[in-house]
Protein backbone atom coordinates (compact mmCIF):
# COMPACT_ATOMS: atom_id res chain seq x y z
CA MET A 1 42.40 28.54 -105.55
CA THR A 2 45.65 28.10 -107.61
CA ALA A 3 45.45 30.89 -110.87
CA ARG A 4 44.83 27.87 -112.98
CA ASP A 5 41.69 26.96 -111.07
CA TYR A 6 40.66 31.07 -111.25
CA LEU A 7 41.32 31.36 -114.62
CA ASN A 8 39.62 28.09 -115.75
CA ARG A 9 36.75 29.33 -114.39
CA ILE A 10 36.65 31.56 -117.80
CA ARG A 11 37.20 28.87 -119.67
CA ARG A 12 34.36 26.64 -117.96
CA GLN A 13 31.82 30.08 -118.21
CA ASN A 14 32.66 30.21 -121.69
CA GLN A 15 31.32 26.63 -122.78
CA ILE A 16 28.15 27.56 -120.13
CA VAL A 17 27.59 30.72 -122.55
CA LYS A 18 27.66 28.56 -125.65
CA GLN A 19 26.00 25.61 -124.30
CA THR A 20 22.95 28.10 -123.19
CA GLU A 21 23.19 29.74 -126.76
CA LYS A 22 23.06 26.50 -128.70
CA GLU A 23 19.98 25.40 -126.46
CA MET A 24 18.12 28.22 -127.38
CA THR A 25 18.66 28.28 -131.16
CA GLU A 26 17.12 24.82 -131.26
CA VAL A 27 14.11 25.36 -128.83
CA ARG A 28 13.82 28.59 -131.68
CA SER A 29 13.98 26.35 -134.39
CA ASP A 30 11.47 23.55 -132.33
CA ILE A 31 9.52 26.91 -131.94
CA LEU A 32 9.30 28.22 -135.39
CA SER A 33 8.57 24.66 -137.07
CA LEU A 34 5.72 24.03 -134.96
CA ARG A 35 4.43 27.71 -135.93
CA ALA A 36 5.13 26.37 -139.29
CA SER A 37 3.21 23.28 -138.43
CA SER A 38 -0.06 25.17 -136.67
CA LEU A 39 -0.40 27.40 -139.80
CA SER A 40 -0.67 24.71 -142.32
CA GLU A 41 -3.07 23.06 -139.84
CA LYS A 42 -6.61 24.99 -139.43
CA VAL A 43 -7.27 23.09 -135.99
CA SER A 44 -9.01 24.98 -133.19
CA GLY A 45 -7.97 24.62 -129.90
CA THR A 46 -5.37 25.46 -127.77
CA LYS A 47 -2.34 25.25 -130.49
CA GLU A 48 -1.84 29.43 -130.29
CA SER A 49 -1.79 28.85 -126.76
CA ASP A 50 0.80 26.24 -126.65
CA LEU A 51 2.63 28.78 -129.37
CA ALA A 52 2.32 31.23 -126.83
CA ASP A 53 3.95 29.70 -124.09
CA LYS A 54 6.51 28.14 -126.13
CA TYR A 55 7.27 31.90 -126.77
CA ILE A 56 7.76 32.49 -123.39
CA ARG A 57 10.43 29.95 -122.76
CA LEU A 58 12.15 31.27 -125.33
CA GLU A 59 12.46 34.49 -123.59
CA GLN A 60 13.05 32.82 -120.45
CA TYR A 61 16.10 31.30 -122.35
CA PHE A 62 17.26 34.26 -123.78
CA ASP A 63 16.95 35.80 -120.37
CA LYS A 64 19.67 32.47 -119.08
CA VAL A 65 21.73 33.42 -122.21
CA ASN A 66 21.89 37.08 -121.24
CA THR A 67 22.87 36.57 -117.59
CA GLU A 68 25.20 33.95 -118.63
CA TRP A 69 27.07 36.33 -120.67
CA ASP A 70 27.38 39.06 -118.04
CA LYS A 71 29.24 36.95 -115.50
CA LEU A 72 31.41 36.05 -118.62
CA ILE A 73 31.91 39.83 -119.20
CA ASP A 74 32.49 40.42 -115.78
CA MET A 75 34.76 37.49 -115.20
CA ARG A 76 36.85 38.46 -118.33
CA THR A 77 36.93 41.72 -116.82
CA GLU A 78 38.66 41.03 -113.35
CA ALA A 79 41.22 38.59 -115.24
CA LYS A 80 41.89 40.92 -117.72
CA ALA A 81 43.13 43.73 -114.96
CA MET A 82 44.96 40.78 -112.85
CA ILE A 83 46.54 39.42 -116.14
CA ARG A 84 48.08 42.73 -117.22
CA ALA A 85 49.68 43.42 -113.75
CA LEU A 86 52.57 40.79 -115.07
CA PRO A 87 55.48 42.00 -115.98
CA ASP A 88 56.66 39.83 -118.48
CA GLU A 89 54.32 40.66 -121.63
CA ASN A 90 54.65 37.32 -123.38
CA GLN A 91 53.06 36.28 -120.36
CA GLN A 92 50.20 38.29 -120.72
CA ALA A 93 50.03 37.19 -124.30
CA VAL A 94 50.06 33.49 -123.43
CA LEU A 95 47.62 34.18 -120.49
CA TYR A 96 44.87 36.09 -122.22
CA ALA A 97 44.95 33.57 -125.98
CA ARG A 98 44.03 30.60 -123.38
CA TYR A 99 42.34 31.95 -121.34
CA ILE A 100 40.57 34.77 -122.65
CA ASN A 101 40.09 33.92 -125.94
CA CYS A 102 39.83 30.32 -124.80
CA ASP A 103 42.43 29.54 -128.22
CA ARG A 104 43.88 26.18 -128.39
CA TRP A 105 47.51 25.03 -127.66
CA GLU A 106 48.61 24.70 -131.18
CA THR A 107 47.03 28.20 -132.10
CA ILE A 108 48.84 29.99 -129.42
CA ALA A 109 52.37 28.74 -130.42
CA PHE A 110 51.07 29.66 -134.10
CA ASP A 111 50.20 32.99 -133.41
CA MET A 112 53.23 33.70 -131.07
CA HIS A 113 55.78 31.88 -133.63
CA TYR A 114 57.01 29.56 -130.63
CA SER A 115 57.11 25.60 -130.55
CA TRP A 116 54.62 23.95 -128.61
CA LYS A 117 57.60 22.97 -125.81
CA HIS A 118 58.08 27.04 -125.14
CA ILE A 119 54.49 27.73 -125.08
CA PHE A 120 53.78 25.35 -121.87
CA ARG A 121 57.06 26.43 -120.48
CA LEU A 122 55.61 30.06 -120.74
CA HIS A 123 52.75 29.07 -119.53
CA GLY A 124 53.53 27.45 -116.50
CA ARG A 125 55.86 30.69 -115.60
CA ALA A 126 52.90 32.82 -116.60
CA LEU A 127 50.76 31.03 -114.09
CA GLN A 128 53.94 30.88 -111.24
CA SER A 129 54.37 34.89 -111.60
CA PHE A 130 50.51 35.33 -111.62
CA GLU A 131 49.88 33.28 -108.52
CA SER A 132 52.76 34.86 -107.03
CA ILE A 133 51.54 38.26 -107.61
CA HIS A 134 47.60 37.65 -106.67
CA HIS A 135 48.35 34.92 -103.73
CA GLY A 136 46.51 37.44 -101.84
CA SER A 137 43.45 37.69 -104.00
CA LEU A 138 43.69 33.95 -104.76
CA SER A 139 43.56 32.44 -101.58
CA GLU A 140 40.45 34.63 -100.65
CA MET A 141 38.42 33.00 -103.57
CA ARG A 142 36.53 29.97 -103.20
CA THR A 143 36.74 27.25 -106.30
């Protein structure tokens, strides 16, 4: 596994967390609208059990979000320690901003007061440095 592959896993996991949270919010919204409509309708039958089933499914989404967050936190913790091993603080900063904070390139360049071209050069050197320092760990990991 390359340094870029390893670090991009964090960005992908961040997207998974955001997508799962979005799904949970949509389900919650649907349940609340279903609940509001069931309160306005005085129909006996299975409405309450349907609503209870929906709440159980919402809890399952909540558990899924927590699981995905736990994965992201673990991945970030491990990557932060590996990034801190780089001797150059600017290289650390660019990798941290890109992969831990999931910042866009223009944001990184602006925040670090560098041109895009310089940020890309710095990023390339940072990945090379990361890979040379952690070559053994990266080669043991599967993609």
